[in-house]
């Protein structure tokens, strides 16, 4: 993209009062942004209001600085060989067709990484979303399902947030071969910053082998309003959305709703009736989302030609081997007493008959072996099968 063309697109995005819908009408009526700004007020009145025309006639004060920042971001070399940087605009052959069906598709998409992943057919993408504060089992499920779905030929799409999003990206990356595009992260900030900061290393891994996408101008901070909006892109880039764990007020339910409105499949993993982090998934299932227990439940619905059908055990072989070795030398009664739901010490003492000291000692041993997770509120939850 030439500097003059980039300037015109940025000016259109920055013009006050011109949203994506009006911008598309202007582009449809007059062509490229450069041509839009060459029009008379009389011509513009066919599409825009008087207030919008007034804004279009004046160059935004921040345009020069944004143009310089964006041009440098696109062209400055970074030591060590940075991932590819690119901007895709409406009408570009690389612009995802699935986003054109949205009510307000972005005018510009900023890309960081291997942009070939964006050209993947929609049926090869699956969104995985969920709570920013998942239970240990929820994070494990997200990681293992993402890895299995990636190995079945799908690209995992998520939002780079803490919790389920991060676990899904990590699982997809861990399962990928060097020539594959394992995951796409859709973020709610400019691509010149990483949010949350804890995911700086993860973002670098994604940019090296996958792709990070944003519709927001460089320098855009993590504004709360941006994240629900980016969810429409997560849903739009995917053939289906899997909600791993979510409370009733989780933003993940927005992504699921948007996916359903777009005619996409919605999947949800059930959890304990006592866990608030499962209530959102249960609500989705009541509303018609498919209950998911194994990855096969997803593959049989999305009908992708690239997916390799195979049985899936969400517990890795290495963990199963370690678990069986450990359990062979331990009393299984405590693990049986734990069940699958979070449980407190008083309930465990009642179930097992153990005194507090013995119970705490056995729980500590199991926790160190990864068989039990300690949860907030002095609760414990079993992590493995017996």
Protein backbone atom coordinates (compact mmCIF):
# COMPACT_ATOMS: atom_id res chain seq x y z
CA UNK A 1 0.00 0.00 0.00
CA UNK A 2 1.36 3.40 -1.00
CA UNK A 3 1.67 6.16 1.58
CA UNK A 4 -0.98 8.34 -0.11
CA UNK A 5 -3.48 5.47 -0.17
CA UNK A 6 -2.77 4.65 3.47
CA UNK A 7 -3.30 8.30 4.40
CA UNK A 8 -6.72 8.33 2.74
CA UNK A 9 -7.86 5.16 4.54
CA UNK A 10 -6.66 6.48 7.89
CA UNK A 11 -8.40 9.79 7.26
CA UNK A 12 -11.67 7.98 6.59
CA UNK A 13 -11.32 5.97 9.81
CA UNK A 14 -10.40 9.05 11.85
CA UNK A 15 -13.13 11.34 10.53
CA UNK A 16 -15.56 12.13 13.39
CA UNK A 17 -19.11 10.92 12.87
CA UNK A 18 -18.19 8.47 10.11
CA UNK A 19 -18.73 4.92 11.29
CA UNK A 20 -18.15 1.73 9.38
CA UNK A 21 -21.67 1.74 7.89
CA UNK A 22 -21.47 5.30 6.49
CA UNK A 23 -17.92 4.68 5.30
CA UNK A 24 -19.06 1.64 3.32
CA UNK A 25 -21.84 3.68 1.73
CA UNK A 26 -19.33 6.35 0.74
CA UNK A 27 -16.97 3.75 -0.72
CA UNK A 28 -19.84 2.11 -2.58
CA UNK A 29 -20.92 5.45 -4.05
CA UNK A 30 -17.53 6.94 -4.94
CA UNK A 31 -14.88 4.24 -4.90
CA UNK A 32 -11.59 4.51 -3.02
CA UNK A 33 -11.18 6.86 -0.04
CA UNK A 34 -9.04 9.23 -2.12
CA UNK A 35 -12.02 9.72 -4.42
CA UNK A 36 -14.39 10.26 -1.50
CA UNK A 37 -12.38 13.25 -0.31
CA UNK A 38 -12.38 14.74 -3.82
CA UNK A 39 -16.17 14.99 -3.89
CA UNK A 40 -18.14 18.21 -3.52
CA UNK A 41 -20.51 18.71 -0.61
CA UNK A 42 -23.39 18.36 -3.07
CA UNK A 43 -22.20 14.93 -4.20
CA UNK A 44 -21.54 13.81 -0.63
CA UNK A 45 -25.07 14.81 0.39
CA UNK A 46 -26.35 11.74 -1.49
CA UNK A 47 -24.89 9.60 1.30
CA UNK A 48 -23.85 11.75 4.27
CA UNK A 49 -25.61 14.13 6.63
CA UNK A 50 -24.62 17.84 6.79
CA UNK A 51 -22.64 17.22 9.99
CA UNK A 52 -20.81 14.28 8.39
CA UNK A 53 -20.06 16.33 5.26
CA UNK A 54 -18.56 19.06 7.43
CA UNK A 55 -16.30 16.49 9.08
CA UNK A 56 -15.28 15.00 5.73
CA UNK A 57 -14.21 18.42 4.48
CA UNK A 58 -11.68 18.86 7.29
CA UNK A 59 -8.55 16.78 7.79
CA UNK A 60 -8.46 15.20 11.29
CA UNK A 61 -5.84 16.82 13.52
CA UNK A 62 -4.29 13.49 14.46
CA UNK A 63 -3.96 12.20 10.87
CA UNK A 64 -0.35 13.25 10.28
CA UNK A 65 0.91 11.61 13.46
CA UNK A 66 -1.13 8.43 12.91
CA UNK A 67 0.10 8.18 9.32
CA UNK A 68 3.73 8.50 10.39
CA UNK A 69 3.31 5.95 13.20
CA UNK A 70 1.56 3.45 10.94
CA UNK A 71 4.03 3.88 8.07
CA UNK A 72 6.95 3.25 10.39
CA UNK A 73 5.22 0.23 11.92
CA UNK A 74 4.75 -1.26 8.46
CA UNK A 75 8.25 -0.62 7.16
CA UNK A 76 10.74 -0.34 10.03
CA UNK A 77 13.03 -3.34 10.29
CA UNK A 78 13.21 -5.05 13.68
CA UNK A 79 16.39 -6.88 14.80
CA UNK A 80 16.04 -10.63 14.73
CA UNK A 81 13.53 -10.74 11.88
CA UNK A 82 10.09 -9.57 12.97
CA UNK A 83 6.92 -11.33 11.79
CA UNK A 84 5.30 -9.81 8.75
CA UNK A 85 3.22 -6.66 9.25
CA UNK A 86 0.42 -5.80 6.90
CA UNK A 87 -2.80 -3.80 6.62
CA UNK A 88 -5.78 -5.26 4.76
CA UNK A 89 -8.62 -2.96 3.70
CA UNK A 90 -12.12 -3.56 2.38
CA UNK A 91 -11.79 -4.78 -1.19
CA UNK A 92 -8.39 -6.39 -0.65
CA UNK A 93 -8.29 -10.02 -1.91
CA UNK A 94 -6.99 -11.09 1.51
CA UNK A 95 -9.92 -9.51 3.39
CA UNK A 96 -11.95 -12.37 4.93
CA UNK A 97 -15.22 -12.82 3.06
CA UNK A 98 -16.92 -14.03 6.23
CA UNK A 99 -16.50 -10.60 7.82
CA UNK A 100 -18.30 -8.90 4.95
CA UNK A 101 -21.58 -10.34 6.22
CA UNK A 102 -21.26 -8.43 9.51
CA UNK A 103 -23.39 -5.35 10.08
CA UNK A 104 -20.25 -3.24 10.46
CA UNK A 105 -17.18 -4.96 8.99
CA UNK A 106 -13.93 -3.14 9.83
CA UNK A 107 -12.57 -0.79 7.17
CA UNK A 108 -9.02 -1.82 8.01
CA UNK A 109 -7.46 -4.91 9.56
CA UNK A 110 -3.96 -4.77 11.00
CA UNK A 111 -2.10 -8.07 10.71
CA UNK A 112 0.99 -9.29 12.55
CA UNK A 113 2.39 -12.69 11.66
CA UNK A 114 1.82 -15.20 8.89
CA UNK A 115 -1.09 -13.63 7.04
CA UNK A 116 -1.62 -16.75 4.94
CA UNK A 117 -3.63 -17.98 7.92
CA UNK A 118 -6.25 -15.35 7.15
CA UNK A 119 -6.81 -16.89 3.73
CA UNK A 120 -7.84 -20.21 5.30
CA UNK A 121 -11.34 -21.26 4.41
CA UNK A 122 -13.86 -20.50 7.15
CA UNK A 123 -14.53 -24.21 7.71
CA UNK A 124 -10.97 -24.59 8.96
CA UNK A 125 -11.35 -22.14 11.87
CA UNK A 126 -12.85 -22.84 15.30
CA UNK A 127 -13.20 -20.23 18.06
CA UNK A 128 -12.43 -21.22 21.65
CA UNK A 129 -13.40 -18.73 24.35
CA UNK A 130 -14.19 -18.63 28.04
CA UNK A 131 -13.56 -17.17 31.46
CA UNK A 132 -10.61 -14.96 32.33
CA UNK A 133 -10.59 -16.68 35.74
CA UNK A 134 -11.10 -20.36 34.94
CA UNK A 135 -10.80 -23.30 37.27
CA UNK A 136 -7.67 -25.42 36.80
CA UNK A 137 -9.79 -28.04 35.03
CA UNK A 138 -11.25 -25.41 32.72
CA UNK A 139 -7.81 -24.19 31.66
CA UNK A 140 -6.70 -27.78 31.12
CA UNK A 141 -9.77 -28.53 29.00
CA UNK A 142 -9.16 -25.45 26.85
CA UNK A 143 -5.55 -26.39 26.27
CA UNK A 144 -6.26 -30.02 25.43
CA UNK A 145 -9.27 -29.36 23.20
CA UNK A 146 -7.35 -26.67 21.30
CA UNK A 147 -4.41 -28.99 20.75
CA UNK A 148 -6.65 -31.81 19.53
CA UNK A 149 -8.67 -29.55 17.23
CA UNK A 150 -5.50 -28.07 15.77
CA UNK A 151 -4.12 -31.55 15.14
CA UNK A 152 -7.42 -32.39 13.42
CA UNK A 153 -6.66 -29.66 10.89
CA UNK A 154 -8.38 -26.63 12.40
CA UNK A 155 -7.03 -23.18 13.21
CA UNK A 156 -7.98 -22.04 16.72
CA UNK A 157 -9.29 -18.47 16.96
CA UNK A 158 -9.44 -16.66 20.30
CA UNK A 159 -8.92 -13.27 21.94
CA UNK A 160 -5.52 -13.45 23.72
CA UNK A 161 -7.20 -12.70 27.07
CA UNK A 162 -6.11 -14.24 30.34
CA UNK A 163 -7.58 -17.61 31.25
CA UNK A 164 -9.32 -19.77 28.66
CA UNK A 165 -8.20 -17.66 25.66
CA UNK A 166 -4.54 -17.94 26.58
CA UNK A 167 -4.81 -21.66 27.32
CA UNK A 168 -6.48 -22.23 23.93
CA UNK A 169 -3.72 -20.37 22.07
CA UNK A 170 -1.06 -22.32 23.96
CA UNK A 171 -2.70 -25.66 23.25
CA UNK A 172 -2.95 -24.90 19.53
CA UNK A 173 0.69 -23.80 19.39
CA UNK A 174 1.85 -26.89 21.26
CA UNK A 175 0.11 -29.18 18.78
CA UNK A 176 1.26 -27.52 15.56
CA UNK A 177 3.88 -28.59 13.04
CA UNK A 178 6.27 -25.95 11.69
CA UNK A 179 4.41 -25.56 8.39
CA UNK A 180 0.94 -25.07 9.94
CA UNK A 181 -0.98 -21.97 11.06
CA UNK A 182 -2.14 -23.07 14.50
CA UNK A 183 -3.94 -20.07 15.92
CA UNK A 184 -5.32 -16.58 15.26
CA UNK A 185 -5.58 -14.00 18.04
CA UNK A 186 -8.08 -11.16 17.62
CA UNK A 187 -7.21 -8.34 20.01
CA UNK A 188 -8.90 -5.19 21.27
CA UNK A 189 -5.87 -2.88 21.19
CA UNK A 190 -3.50 -1.51 18.59
CA UNK A 191 -0.92 -4.05 17.41
CA UNK A 192 1.94 -1.93 18.74
CA UNK A 193 1.09 -3.06 22.26
CA UNK A 194 0.30 -6.33 24.00
CA UNK A 195 -2.60 -6.70 26.41
CA UNK A 196 -2.52 -8.25 28.89
CA UNK A 197 1.20 -7.71 29.51
CA UNK A 198 1.47 -11.21 30.95
CA UNK A 199 0.89 -12.54 27.43
CA UNK A 200 3.85 -10.81 25.83
CA UNK A 201 5.72 -14.09 25.28
CA UNK A 202 2.55 -15.82 24.08
CA UNK A 203 1.83 -13.00 21.62
CA UNK A 204 5.35 -13.35 20.24
CA UNK A 205 4.83 -17.10 19.75
CA UNK A 206 1.54 -16.49 17.95
CA UNK A 207 3.08 -13.85 15.67
CA UNK A 208 5.92 -16.20 14.75
CA UNK A 209 3.75 -19.12 13.61
CA UNK A 210 0.18 -17.83 13.56
CA UNK A 211 -1.49 -14.46 13.22
CA UNK A 212 -2.62 -11.53 15.40
CA UNK A 213 -5.39 -9.28 14.08
CA UNK A 214 -6.77 -5.93 15.19
CA UNK A 215 -9.19 -3.44 13.68
CA UNK A 216 -7.92 -0.69 15.98
CA UNK A 217 -5.47 2.10 15.16
CA UNK A 218 -1.93 1.79 16.44
CA UNK A 219 -1.65 3.25 19.90
CA UNK A 220 -5.19 2.24 20.88
CA UNK A 221 -5.15 1.31 24.59
CA UNK A 222 -7.16 -1.55 26.15
CA UNK A 223 -10.49 0.27 26.37
CA UNK A 224 -13.32 -1.76 27.89
CA UNK A 225 -15.71 -1.04 25.01
CA UNK A 226 -13.32 -2.49 22.43
CA UNK A 227 -13.39 -6.07 23.68
CA UNK A 228 -17.09 -6.85 23.15
CA UNK A 229 -16.70 -5.39 19.64
CA UNK A 230 -13.73 -7.58 18.80
CA UNK A 231 -15.84 -10.61 19.76
CA UNK A 232 -17.85 -10.21 16.54
CA UNK A 233 -14.61 -10.77 14.61
CA UNK A 234 -13.75 -13.89 16.62
CA UNK A 235 -17.17 -15.32 15.79
CA UNK A 236 -17.05 -14.06 12.21
CA UNK A 237 -13.70 -15.69 11.43
CA UNK A 238 -14.85 -19.11 12.66
CA UNK A 239 -17.28 -21.80 11.58
CA UNK A 240 -18.19 -22.46 15.20
CA UNK A 241 -17.51 -21.31 18.75
CA UNK A 242 -16.63 -23.52 21.72
CA UNK A 243 -17.26 -22.01 25.16
CA UNK A 244 -15.12 -23.93 27.63
CA UNK A 245 -16.03 -22.24 30.89
CA UNK A 246 -18.01 -19.04 31.52
CA UNK A 247 -20.05 -17.32 34.18
CA UNK A 248 -23.47 -15.91 33.32
CA UNK A 249 -22.03 -12.40 32.84
CA UNK A 250 -19.01 -13.52 30.81
CA UNK A 251 -18.12 -11.73 27.60
CA UNK A 252 -17.71 -15.18 26.07
CA UNK A 253 -21.49 -15.43 25.93
CA UNK A 254 -21.45 -12.37 23.65
CA UNK A 255 -19.20 -14.27 21.25
CA UNK A 256 -21.51 -17.28 21.42
CA UNK A 257 -24.58 -15.13 20.77
CA UNK A 258 -22.91 -13.43 17.81
CA UNK A 259 -21.89 -16.81 16.40
CA UNK A 260 -25.48 -18.06 16.66
CA UNK A 261 -26.80 -14.88 15.02
CA UNK A 262 -24.35 -15.47 12.16
CA UNK A 263 -25.69 -18.99 11.72
CA UNK A 264 -22.58 -20.64 13.18
CA UNK A 265 -22.40 -23.66 15.47
CA UNK A 266 -22.15 -23.06 19.22
CA UNK A 267 -20.61 -25.67 21.53
CA UNK A 268 -20.32 -25.68 25.33
CA UNK A 269 -18.52 -27.89 27.84
CA UNK A 270 -20.65 -28.60 30.93
CA UNK A 271 -19.26 -28.40 34.45
CA UNK A 272 -20.23 -28.68 38.07
CA UNK A 273 -23.62 -27.29 39.06
CA UNK A 274 -21.83 -25.77 42.06
CA UNK A 275 -19.32 -23.79 39.97
CA UNK A 276 -20.38 -20.31 38.88
CA UNK A 277 -17.85 -20.63 36.05
CA UNK A 278 -20.04 -23.33 34.51
CA UNK A 279 -23.37 -21.54 34.69
CA UNK A 280 -22.84 -19.68 31.42
CA UNK A 281 -22.13 -22.94 29.57
CA UNK A 282 -25.20 -24.54 31.10
CA UNK A 283 -27.32 -21.58 29.97
CA UNK A 284 -25.99 -21.96 26.41
CA UNK A 285 -26.81 -25.67 26.42
CA UNK A 286 -30.35 -24.89 27.56
CA UNK A 287 -30.61 -22.46 24.64
CA UNK A 288 -29.54 -25.07 22.10
CA UNK A 289 -25.75 -25.15 22.13
CA UNK A 290 -24.30 -28.61 21.64
CA UNK A 291 -23.02 -30.23 24.82
CA UNK A 292 -19.40 -31.24 24.28
CA UNK A 293 -17.56 -34.01 26.13
CA UNK A 294 -14.95 -35.02 23.53
CA UNK A 295 -13.51 -33.34 20.47
CA UNK A 296 -15.41 -35.74 18.25
CA UNK A 297 -18.61 -33.95 19.30
CA UNK A 298 -17.29 -30.84 17.53
CA UNK A 299 -15.79 -32.50 14.47
CA UNK A 300 -18.99 -34.34 13.58
CA UNK A 301 -20.93 -31.04 13.53
CA UNK A 302 -18.65 -28.72 11.60
CA UNK A 303 -18.37 -31.18 8.71
CA UNK A 304 -14.88 -30.04 7.73
CA UNK A 305 -13.14 -31.99 5.01
CA UNK A 306 -9.73 -31.48 6.59
CA UNK A 307 -10.59 -32.87 10.03
CA UNK A 308 -9.14 -36.30 10.73
CA UNK A 309 -11.68 -38.33 12.68
CA UNK A 310 -10.20 -40.06 15.70
CA UNK A 311 -11.14 -40.80 19.34
CA UNK A 312 -10.02 -38.12 21.76
CA UNK A 313 -9.06 -38.42 25.40
CA UNK A 314 -8.71 -34.95 26.94
CA UNK A 315 -6.08 -36.27 29.36
CA UNK A 316 -2.64 -36.50 27.65
CA UNK A 317 -0.88 -39.86 27.52
CA UNK A 318 2.06 -38.58 29.54
CA UNK A 319 -0.25 -37.41 32.31
CA UNK A 320 -2.15 -40.69 32.27
CA UNK A 321 1.10 -42.61 32.65
CA UNK A 322 2.24 -40.43 35.54
CA UNK A 323 -1.16 -40.69 37.16
CA UNK A 324 -1.31 -44.46 36.94
CA UNK A 325 2.20 -44.78 38.38
CA UNK A 326 1.32 -42.49 41.26
CA UNK A 327 -2.04 -44.07 41.99
CA UNK A 328 -0.53 -47.55 42.10
CA UNK A 329 1.27 -46.60 45.32
CA UNK A 330 -1.54 -44.52 46.88
CA UNK A 331 -4.88 -45.18 48.45
CA UNK A 332 -7.53 -44.30 45.84
CA UNK A 333 -10.26 -43.73 48.39
CA UNK A 334 -9.50 -40.02 48.80
CA UNK A 335 -9.65 -39.42 45.04
CA UNK A 336 -12.95 -41.27 44.89
CA UNK A 337 -14.26 -39.18 47.76
CA UNK A 338 -13.30 -36.00 45.95
CA UNK A 339 -15.55 -36.83 43.01
CA UNK A 340 -15.45 -34.27 40.21
CA UNK A 341 -16.98 -31.23 41.91
CA UNK A 342 -15.08 -28.78 44.13
CA UNK A 343 -15.34 -29.86 47.76
CA UNK A 344 -14.26 -28.48 51.15
CA UNK A 345 -12.31 -30.08 54.00
CA UNK A 346 -15.32 -30.66 56.23
CA UNK A 347 -17.13 -32.60 53.52
CA UNK A 348 -14.00 -34.65 52.79
CA UNK A 349 -13.50 -35.51 56.45
CA UNK A 350 -17.10 -36.70 56.58
CA UNK A 351 -16.71 -38.79 53.42
CA UNK A 352 -13.36 -40.37 54.31
CA UNK A 353 -13.32 -40.48 58.09
CA UNK A 354 -9.78 -39.07 58.07
CA UNK A 355 -8.59 -36.69 60.77
CA UNK A 356 -7.64 -33.15 59.63
CA UNK A 357 -3.86 -33.74 59.77
CA UNK A 358 -3.97 -36.97 57.73
CA UNK A 359 -6.39 -35.48 55.23
CA UNK A 360 -4.25 -32.35 54.72
CA UNK A 361 -1.14 -34.49 54.26
CA UNK A 362 -2.75 -36.70 51.61
CA UNK A 363 -4.24 -33.70 49.80
CA UNK A 364 -0.81 -32.05 49.73
CA UNK A 365 0.75 -35.20 48.26
CA UNK A 366 -1.93 -35.43 45.60
CA UNK A 367 -1.62 -31.72 44.85
CA UNK A 368 2.14 -32.06 44.32
CA UNK A 369 1.48 -34.94 41.93
CA UNK A 370 -1.00 -32.86 39.95
CA UNK A 371 -3.90 -35.11 40.88
CA UNK A 372 -5.72 -32.45 42.91
CA UNK A 373 -6.04 -28.68 42.51
CA UNK A 374 -6.48 -26.26 45.38
CA UNK A 375 -9.21 -23.70 44.55
CA UNK A 376 -10.17 -20.38 46.15
CA UNK A 377 -12.38 -20.68 49.20
CA UNK A 378 -10.47 -23.66 50.68
CA UNK A 379 -11.93 -26.02 48.09
CA UNK A 380 -10.26 -28.94 46.32
CA UNK A 381 -10.99 -30.55 42.95
CA UNK A 382 -9.79 -33.78 41.38
CA UNK A 383 -7.87 -33.26 38.15
CA UNK A 384 -7.40 -36.81 36.84
CA UNK A 385 -9.29 -40.00 36.29
CA UNK A 386 -8.91 -43.00 38.56
